[in-house]
Amino acid sequence: MDPNEIMIEDSWKKVLWDYFSTDNFDAISVFLKEEKESGKLIYPRGSQIFNAFNTTPFKNVKIVILGQDPYHNPGEAMGLCFSVPKDVRVPPSLKNVYKELASDIDFTIPNHGDLTSWAQQGVFLLNAILTVEHKKPASHRKIGWQEFTDHVIKTISDKRDSVVFLLWGNFAKGKRDLIDTDKHLVLESAHPSPLARNAFFNNNHFSKANRFLEEKGLETIKWNTL
């Protein structure tokens, strides 16, 4: 696929340029086009597939939070992992993220789940799989997205310094080998899903991430700005 046709922020386009010309990325593009032409509903909408990239330019990435795949119900997916539009009910996993924040720092739990302001500050909210079919979770797990996002994670690791990677749950922890732990901080915990019971709580990842950024002379994240 011609990289010029990819609607993605310029700094990401530059560092991922070669990948956009690969057979793997072509296959993703062809698959999505055929699925839409067949009448299937795909989330998020096309303009938001690369929302995480467009909201957090490559040079601005300070923290990476890795999700698995987008929400599969109408109106929920917005191209930022864990995030939903302001008029959508806050999902259970995000509620637990908020609870952990409230116990970790001076955080006021908001009445919505839109995390755009975090992304604008440098929190790269990346799903490993960038699309999903309506009401079919993980339906696009084998179309090539994971190879692409693995490349994205490794590119961040190789070309940036002093980034914090928050790996929540076994799926995210499986990406650890892509990250140079001599250059970056990797924090691991259980997933915030209620299915993990209370194992996610008390990890203090948000204060630890900001402490690391401060030690490196970088501006910290204002988690309360939502």
C-alpha atoms as a PDB file:
ATOM      1  CA  MET A   1       0.000   0.000   0.000  1.00  0.00           C
ATOM      2  CA  ASP A   2       1.230   3.488  -0.785  1.00  0.00           C
ATOM      3  CA  PRO A   3       2.259   5.011   2.584  1.00  0.00           C
ATOM      4  CA  ASN A   4       1.018   8.383   1.358  1.00  0.00           C
ATOM      5  CA  GLU A   5      -2.530   7.006   1.493  1.00  0.00           C
ATOM      6  CA  ILE A   6      -2.332   6.198   5.219  1.00  0.00           C
ATOM      7  CA  MET A   7      -4.159   8.804   7.301  1.00  0.00           C
ATOM      8  CA  ILE A   8      -1.690   8.913  10.164  1.00  0.00           C
ATOM      9  CA  GLU A   9       0.227  11.701  11.897  1.00  0.00           C
ATOM     10  CA  ASP A  10       3.402  12.719  10.044  1.00  0.00           C
ATOM     11  CA  SER A  11       5.992  11.712  12.659  1.00  0.00           C
ATOM     12  CA  TRP A  12       4.494   8.202  12.830  1.00  0.00           C
ATOM     13  CA  LYS A  13       4.315   8.012   9.052  1.00  0.00           C
ATOM     14  CA  LYS A  14       8.026   8.787   8.894  1.00  0.00           C
ATOM     15  CA  VAL A  15       9.145   6.095  11.359  1.00  0.00           C
ATOM     16  CA  LEU A  16       6.693   3.463  10.051  1.00  0.00           C
ATOM     17  CA  TRP A  17       7.015   4.327   6.349  1.00  0.00           C
ATOM     18  CA  ASP A  18       8.718   1.099   5.314  1.00  0.00           C
ATOM     19  CA  TYR A  19       6.184  -1.062   7.130  1.00  0.00           C
ATOM     20  CA  PHE A  20       3.248   0.501   5.297  1.00  0.00           C
ATOM     21  CA  SER A  21       4.655  -0.942   2.046  1.00  0.00           C
ATOM     22  CA  THR A  22       4.815  -4.530   3.324  1.00  0.00           C
ATOM     23  CA  ASP A  23       2.610  -7.409   2.228  1.00  0.00           C
ATOM     24  CA  ASN A  24       1.345  -7.722   5.798  1.00  0.00           C
ATOM     25  CA  PHE A  25      -0.028  -4.199   5.861  1.00  0.00           C
ATOM     26  CA  ASP A  26      -1.479  -4.608   2.375  1.00  0.00           C
ATOM     27  CA  ALA A  27      -3.314  -7.712   3.586  1.00  0.00           C
ATOM     28  CA  ILE A  28      -4.867  -5.788   6.489  1.00  0.00           C
ATOM     29  CA  SER A  29      -6.058  -3.059   4.152  1.00  0.00           C
ATOM     30  CA  VAL A  30      -7.570  -5.532   1.674  1.00  0.00           C
ATOM     31  CA  PHE A  31      -9.298  -7.488   4.453  1.00  0.00           C
ATOM     32  CA  LEU A  32     -10.923  -4.409   5.978  1.00  0.00           C
ATOM     33  CA  LYS A  33     -12.067  -3.154   2.588  1.00  0.00           C
ATOM     34  CA  GLU A  34     -13.677  -6.492   1.748  1.00  0.00           C
ATOM     35  CA  GLU A  35     -15.362  -6.763   5.144  1.00  0.00           C
ATOM     36  CA  LYS A  36     -16.908  -3.310   4.804  1.00  0.00           C
ATOM     37  CA  GLU A  37     -17.999  -3.969   1.229  1.00  0.00           C
ATOM     38  CA  SER A  38     -19.768  -7.112   2.445  1.00  0.00           C
ATOM     39  CA  GLY A  39     -21.813  -4.984   4.848  1.00  0.00           C
ATOM     40  CA  LYS A  40     -20.102  -5.916   8.099  1.00  0.00           C
ATOM     41  CA  LEU A  41     -19.831  -3.316  10.846  1.00  0.00           C
ATOM     42  CA  ILE A  42     -16.242  -2.625  11.853  1.00  0.00           C
ATOM     43  CA  TYR A  43     -15.161  -0.621  14.907  1.00  0.00           C
ATOM     44  CA  PRO A  44     -13.801   1.950  15.321  1.00  0.00           C
ATOM     45  CA  ARG A  45     -14.821   3.892  12.237  1.00  0.00           C
ATOM     46  CA  GLY A  46     -12.113   4.363   9.639  1.00  0.00           C
ATOM     47  CA  SER A  47     -11.130   7.871  10.683  1.00  0.00           C
ATOM     48  CA  GLN A  48     -10.392   6.647  14.229  1.00  0.00           C
ATOM     49  CA  ILE A  49      -8.421   3.467  13.532  1.00  0.00           C
ATOM     50  CA  PHE A  50      -5.184   5.417  14.025  1.00  0.00           C
ATOM     51  CA  ASN A  51      -6.563   7.770  16.674  1.00  0.00           C
ATOM     52  CA  ALA A  52      -3.883   6.788  19.212  1.00  0.00           C
ATOM     53  CA  PHE A  53      -1.165   7.701  16.698  1.00  0.00           C
ATOM     54  CA  ASN A  54      -2.830  10.915  15.578  1.00  0.00           C
ATOM     55  CA  THR A  55      -3.405  12.132  19.143  1.00  0.00           C
ATOM     56  CA  THR A  56       0.057  11.193  20.440  1.00  0.00           C
ATOM     57  CA  PRO A  57       2.803  11.974  17.909  1.00  0.00           C
ATOM     58  CA  PHE A  58       5.837   9.689  17.989  1.00  0.00           C
ATOM     59  CA  LYS A  59       8.137  12.313  19.481  1.00  0.00           C
ATOM     60  CA  ASN A  60       5.642  12.991  22.291  1.00  0.00           C
ATOM     61  CA  VAL A  61       5.273   9.420  23.582  1.00  0.00           C
ATOM     62  CA  LYS A  62       6.123   9.273  27.284  1.00  0.00           C
ATOM     63  CA  ILE A  63       4.010   6.362  28.486  1.00  0.00           C
ATOM     64  CA  VAL A  64       2.606   3.388  26.575  1.00  0.00           C
ATOM     65  CA  ILE A  65      -0.526   1.630  27.849  1.00  0.00           C
ATOM     66  CA  LEU A  66      -1.275  -1.505  25.874  1.00  0.00           C
ATOM     67  CA  GLY A  67      -4.763  -2.874  25.371  1.00  0.00           C
ATOM     68  CA  GLN A  68      -5.858  -5.923  23.386  1.00  0.00           C
ATOM     69  CA  ASP A  69      -8.595  -5.022  20.903  1.00  0.00           C
ATOM     70  CA  PRO A  70     -11.309  -2.357  20.551  1.00  0.00           C
ATOM     71  CA  TYR A  71     -14.700  -2.421  22.229  1.00  0.00           C
ATOM     72  CA  HIS A  72     -17.135  -4.311  19.997  1.00  0.00           C
ATOM     73  CA  ASN A  73     -20.419  -2.571  20.896  1.00  0.00           C
ATOM     74  CA  PRO A  74     -21.819   0.390  18.917  1.00  0.00           C
ATOM     75  CA  GLY A  75     -20.471   3.816  19.813  1.00  0.00           C
ATOM     76  CA  GLU A  76     -17.785   2.619  22.237  1.00  0.00           C
ATOM     77  CA  ALA A  77     -14.520   2.195  20.306  1.00  0.00           C
ATOM     78  CA  MET A  78     -12.647   5.414  19.615  1.00  0.00           C
ATOM     79  CA  GLY A  79      -9.151   4.201  18.732  1.00  0.00           C
ATOM     80  CA  LEU A  80      -7.689   4.723  22.217  1.00  0.00           C
ATOM     81  CA  CYS A  81      -7.354   1.649  24.420  1.00  0.00           C
ATOM     82  CA  PHE A  82      -9.630   1.597  27.488  1.00  0.00           C
ATOM     83  CA  SER A  83     -11.234   4.896  26.386  1.00  0.00           C
ATOM     84  CA  VAL A  84     -14.859   5.544  25.392  1.00  0.00           C
ATOM     85  CA  PRO A  85     -16.653   8.736  24.285  1.00  0.00           C
ATOM     86  CA  LYS A  86     -18.048  10.952  27.012  1.00  0.00           C
ATOM     87  CA  ASP A  87     -21.662   9.926  26.399  1.00  0.00           C
ATOM     88  CA  VAL A  88     -20.888   6.197  26.831  1.00  0.00           C
ATOM     89  CA  ARG A  89     -21.027   4.281  30.109  1.00  0.00           C
ATOM     90  CA  VAL A  90     -17.590   3.848  31.704  1.00  0.00           C
ATOM     91  CA  PRO A  91     -16.488   0.221  31.105  1.00  0.00           C
ATOM     92  CA  PRO A  92     -15.705  -2.011  34.133  1.00  0.00           C
ATOM     93  CA  SER A  93     -11.950  -2.212  33.431  1.00  0.00           C
ATOM     94  CA  LEU A  94     -11.651   1.559  33.193  1.00  0.00           C
ATOM     95  CA  LYS A  95     -13.616   1.930  36.430  1.00  0.00           C
ATOM     96  CA  ASN A  96     -10.904  -0.154  38.083  1.00  0.00           C
ATOM     97  CA  VAL A  97      -8.193   1.992  36.501  1.00  0.00           C
ATOM     98  CA  TYR A  98      -9.889   5.011  38.039  1.00  0.00           C
ATOM     99  CA  LYS A  99     -10.100   3.296  41.439  1.00  0.00           C
ATOM    100  CA  GLU A 100      -6.391   2.533  41.339  1.00  0.00           C
ATOM    101  CA  LEU A 101      -5.622   6.120  40.388  1.00  0.00           C
ATOM    102  CA  ALA A 102      -7.709   7.388  43.303  1.00  0.00           C
ATOM    103  CA  SER A 103      -5.756   5.230  45.745  1.00  0.00           C
ATOM    104  CA  ASP A 104      -2.373   5.968  44.153  1.00  0.00           C
ATOM    105  CA  ILE A 105      -2.498   9.744  43.674  1.00  0.00           C
ATOM    106  CA  ASP A 106      -4.767  12.685  44.379  1.00  0.00           C
ATOM    107  CA  PHE A 107      -7.246  11.718  41.662  1.00  0.00           C
ATOM    108  CA  THR A 108     -10.892  12.667  41.327  1.00  0.00           C
ATOM    109  CA  ILE A 109     -12.870   9.990  39.485  1.00  0.00           C
ATOM    110  CA  PRO A 110     -14.659  11.603  36.505  1.00  0.00           C
ATOM    111  CA  ASN A 111     -18.149  10.763  35.292  1.00  0.00           C
ATOM    112  CA  HIS A 112     -16.946   9.729  31.822  1.00  0.00           C
ATOM    113  CA  GLY A 113     -14.381   7.494  30.163  1.00  0.00           C
ATOM    114  CA  ASP A 114     -12.814   9.733  27.521  1.00  0.00           C
ATOM    115  CA  LEU A 115      -9.021   9.545  27.935  1.00  0.00           C
ATOM    116  CA  THR A 116      -8.146  11.888  25.062  1.00  0.00           C
ATOM    117  CA  SER A 117      -6.441  14.379  27.373  1.00  0.00           C
ATOM    118  CA  TRP A 118      -4.029  11.684  28.569  1.00  0.00           C
ATOM    119  CA  ALA A 119      -3.177  10.901  24.957  1.00  0.00           C
ATOM    120  CA  GLN A 120      -2.606  14.593  24.249  1.00  0.00           C
ATOM    121  CA  GLN A 121      -0.074  14.681  27.106  1.00  0.00           C
ATOM    122  CA  GLY A 122       1.955  11.752  25.761  1.00  0.00           C
ATOM    123  CA  VAL A 123       0.152   8.624  26.978  1.00  0.00           C
ATOM    124  CA  PHE A 124       0.078   6.367  23.925  1.00  0.00           C
ATOM    125  CA  LEU A 125      -3.124   4.327  24.312  1.00  0.00           C
ATOM    126  CA  LEU A 126      -2.391   1.475  21.918  1.00  0.00           C
ATOM    127  CA  ASN A 127      -4.553  -1.544  21.240  1.00  0.00           C
ATOM    128  CA  ALA A 128      -2.540  -4.487  19.884  1.00  0.00           C
ATOM    129  CA  ILE A 129      -5.418  -5.148  17.463  1.00  0.00           C
ATOM    130  CA  LEU A 130      -6.797  -1.967  15.934  1.00  0.00           C
ATOM    131  CA  THR A 131     -10.171  -3.122  14.596  1.00  0.00           C
ATOM    132  CA  VAL A 132     -12.978  -5.517  15.511  1.00  0.00           C
ATOM    133  CA  GLU A 133     -16.243  -6.727  13.997  1.00  0.00           C
ATOM    134  CA  HIS A 134     -19.530  -5.719  15.623  1.00  0.00           C
ATOM    135  CA  LYS A 135     -20.318  -7.940  18.627  1.00  0.00           C
ATOM    136  CA  LYS A 136     -17.374 -10.266  17.902  1.00  0.00           C
ATOM    137  CA  PRO A 137     -14.499  -9.645  20.332  1.00  0.00           C
ATOM    138  CA  ALA A 138     -11.029 -10.552  19.048  1.00  0.00           C
ATOM    139  CA  SER A 139     -12.484 -11.209  15.583  1.00  0.00           C
ATOM    140  CA  HIS A 140      -9.556  -9.443  13.883  1.00  0.00           C
ATOM    141  CA  ARG A 141      -6.779 -10.964  15.966  1.00  0.00           C
ATOM    142  CA  LYS A 142      -5.375 -12.926  13.009  1.00  0.00           C
ATOM    143  CA  ILE A 143      -5.493 -10.363  10.205  1.00  0.00           C
ATOM    144  CA  GLY A 144      -2.017  -8.915  10.825  1.00  0.00           C
ATOM    145  CA  TRP A 145      -2.572  -6.093  13.309  1.00  0.00           C
ATOM    146  CA  GLN A 146      -0.427  -7.707  15.995  1.00  0.00           C
ATOM    147  CA  GLU A 147       2.574  -7.899  13.688  1.00  0.00           C
ATOM    148  CA  PHE A 148       2.089  -4.221  12.947  1.00  0.00           C
ATOM    149  CA  THR A 149       1.713  -3.120  16.574  1.00  0.00           C
ATOM    150  CA  ASP A 150       4.624  -5.328  17.643  1.00  0.00           C
ATOM    151  CA  HIS A 151       6.660  -3.358  15.111  1.00  0.00           C
ATOM    152  CA  VAL A 152       5.295  -0.118  16.597  1.00  0.00           C
ATOM    153  CA  ILE A 153       6.304  -1.147  20.133  1.00  0.00           C
ATOM    154  CA  LYS A 154       9.791  -2.154  18.998  1.00  0.00           C
ATOM    155  CA  THR A 155      10.153   1.088  17.039  1.00  0.00           C
ATOM    156  CA  ILE A 156       9.350   3.090  20.174  1.00  0.00           C
ATOM    157  CA  SER A 157      11.837   1.002  22.141  1.00  0.00           C
ATOM    158  CA  ASP A 158      14.595   1.361  19.540  1.00  0.00           C
ATOM    159  CA  LYS A 159      14.175   5.001  18.557  1.00  0.00           C
ATOM    160  CA  ARG A 160      13.069   6.664  21.783  1.00  0.00           C
ATOM    161  CA  ASP A 161      14.571   6.909  25.280  1.00  0.00           C
ATOM    162  CA  SER A 162      13.062   6.851  28.773  1.00  0.00           C
ATOM    163  CA  VAL A 163       9.542   5.690  27.912  1.00  0.00           C
ATOM    164  CA  VAL A 164       7.344   3.979  30.511  1.00  0.00           C
ATOM    165  CA  PHE A 165       5.524   0.838  29.360  1.00  0.00           C
ATOM    166  CA  LEU A 166       2.528  -0.238  31.457  1.00  0.00           C
ATOM    167  CA  LEU A 167       1.809  -3.898  30.762  1.00  0.00           C
ATOM    168  CA  TRP A 168      -1.454  -5.020  32.339  1.00  0.00           C
ATOM    169  CA  GLY A 169      -2.412  -8.685  32.106  1.00  0.00           C
ATOM    170  CA  ASN A 170      -0.722 -11.666  30.498  1.00  0.00           C
ATOM    171  CA  PHE A 171      -1.395 -10.537  26.937  1.00  0.00           C
ATOM    172  CA  ALA A 172       0.381  -7.212  27.462  1.00  0.00           C
ATOM    173  CA  LYS A 173       3.170  -8.824  29.491  1.00  0.00           C
ATOM    174  CA  GLY A 174       3.893 -10.983  26.456  1.00  0.00           C
ATOM    175  CA  LYS A 175       5.197  -7.868  24.696  1.00  0.00           C
ATOM    176  CA  ARG A 176       8.001  -7.334  27.206  1.00  0.00           C
ATOM    177  CA  ASP A 177      10.614  -8.954  24.954  1.00  0.00           C
ATOM    178  CA  LEU A 178      10.056  -6.203  22.384  1.00  0.00           C
ATOM    179  CA  ILE A 179      11.238  -3.550  24.847  1.00  0.00           C
ATOM    180  CA  ASP A 180      14.813  -2.604  25.784  1.00  0.00           C
ATOM    181  CA  THR A 181      14.579  -2.569  29.572  1.00  0.00           C
ATOM    182  CA  ASP A 182      17.976  -0.889  29.839  1.00  0.00           C
ATOM    183  CA  LYS A 183      16.518   2.250  28.220  1.00  0.00           C
ATOM    184  CA  HIS A 184      12.930   2.167  29.394  1.00  0.00           C
ATOM    185  CA  LEU A 185      10.838   1.463  32.487  1.00  0.00           C
ATOM    186  CA  VAL A 186       8.520  -1.540  32.244  1.00  0.00           C
ATOM    187  CA  LEU A 187       5.819  -1.906  34.898  1.00  0.00           C
ATOM    188  CA  GLU A 188       3.694  -5.058  34.983  1.00  0.00           C
ATOM    189  CA  SER A 189       0.536  -6.019  36.826  1.00  0.00           C
ATOM    190  CA  ALA A 190      -2.679  -7.986  36.498  1.00  0.00           C
ATOM    191  CA  HIS A 191      -5.282  -6.665  34.074  1.00  0.00           C
ATOM    192  CA  PRO A 192      -7.779  -4.129  35.474  1.00  0.00           C
ATOM    193  CA  SER A 193     -10.680  -6.350  34.392  1.00  0.00           C
ATOM    194  CA  PRO A 194     -13.023  -7.388  37.226  1.00  0.00           C
ATOM    195  CA  LEU A 195     -12.244 -10.972  36.142  1.00  0.00           C
ATOM    196  CA  ALA A 196      -8.811 -10.479  37.726  1.00  0.00           C
ATOM    197  CA  ARG A 197     -10.625  -9.816  40.996  1.00  0.00           C
ATOM    198  CA  ASN A 198      -8.497  -7.339  42.985  1.00  0.00           C
ATOM    199  CA  ALA A 199      -5.087  -8.293  41.607  1.00  0.00           C
ATOM    200  CA  PHE A 200      -4.701  -5.028  39.662  1.00  0.00           C
ATOM    201  CA  PHE A 201      -5.021  -2.797  42.685  1.00  0.00           C
ATOM    202  CA  ASN A 202      -2.169  -1.239  44.672  1.00  0.00           C
ATOM    203  CA  ASN A 203       0.326  -1.462  41.799  1.00  0.00           C
ATOM    204  CA  ASN A 204       0.966   2.314  42.051  1.00  0.00           C
ATOM    205  CA  HIS A 205       1.845   2.436  38.367  1.00  0.00           C
ATOM    206  CA  PHE A 206       0.705   6.010  37.861  1.00  0.00           C
ATOM    207  CA  SER A 207       2.855   7.540  40.577  1.00  0.00           C
ATOM    208  CA  LYS A 208       5.793   5.302  39.613  1.00  0.00           C
ATOM    209  CA  ALA A 209       5.505   6.390  35.980  1.00  0.00           C
ATOM    210  CA  ASN A 210       5.490  10.070  36.893  1.00  0.00           C
ATOM    211  CA  ARG A 211       8.397   9.611  39.285  1.00  0.00           C
ATOM    212  CA  PHE A 212      10.442   8.030  36.482  1.00  0.00           C
ATOM    213  CA  LEU A 213       9.582  10.845  34.061  1.00  0.00           C
ATOM    214  CA  GLU A 214      10.517  13.438  36.674  1.00  0.00           C
ATOM    215  CA  GLU A 215      13.854  11.710  37.312  1.00  0.00           C
ATOM    216  CA  LYS A 216      14.566  11.879  33.576  1.00  0.00           C
ATOM    217  CA  GLY A 217      13.776  15.596  33.475  1.00  0.00           C
ATOM    218  CA  LEU A 218      10.543  15.088  31.538  1.00  0.00           C
ATOM    219  CA  GLU A 219       7.170  16.686  32.156  1.00  0.00           C
ATOM    220  CA  THR A 220       4.898  14.416  34.152  1.00  0.00           C
ATOM    221  CA  ILE A 221       1.350  13.394  33.254  1.00  0.00           C
ATOM    222  CA  LYS A 222      -1.539  15.304  34.812  1.00  0.00           C
ATOM    223  CA  TRP A 223      -3.756  12.272  35.321  1.00  0.00           C
ATOM    224  CA  ASN A 224      -6.545  14.397  36.787  1.00  0.00           C
ATOM    225  CA  THR A 225      -6.940  16.356  33.556  1.00  0.00           C
ATOM    226  CA  LEU A 226      -9.952  14.519  32.099  1.00  0.00           C
END
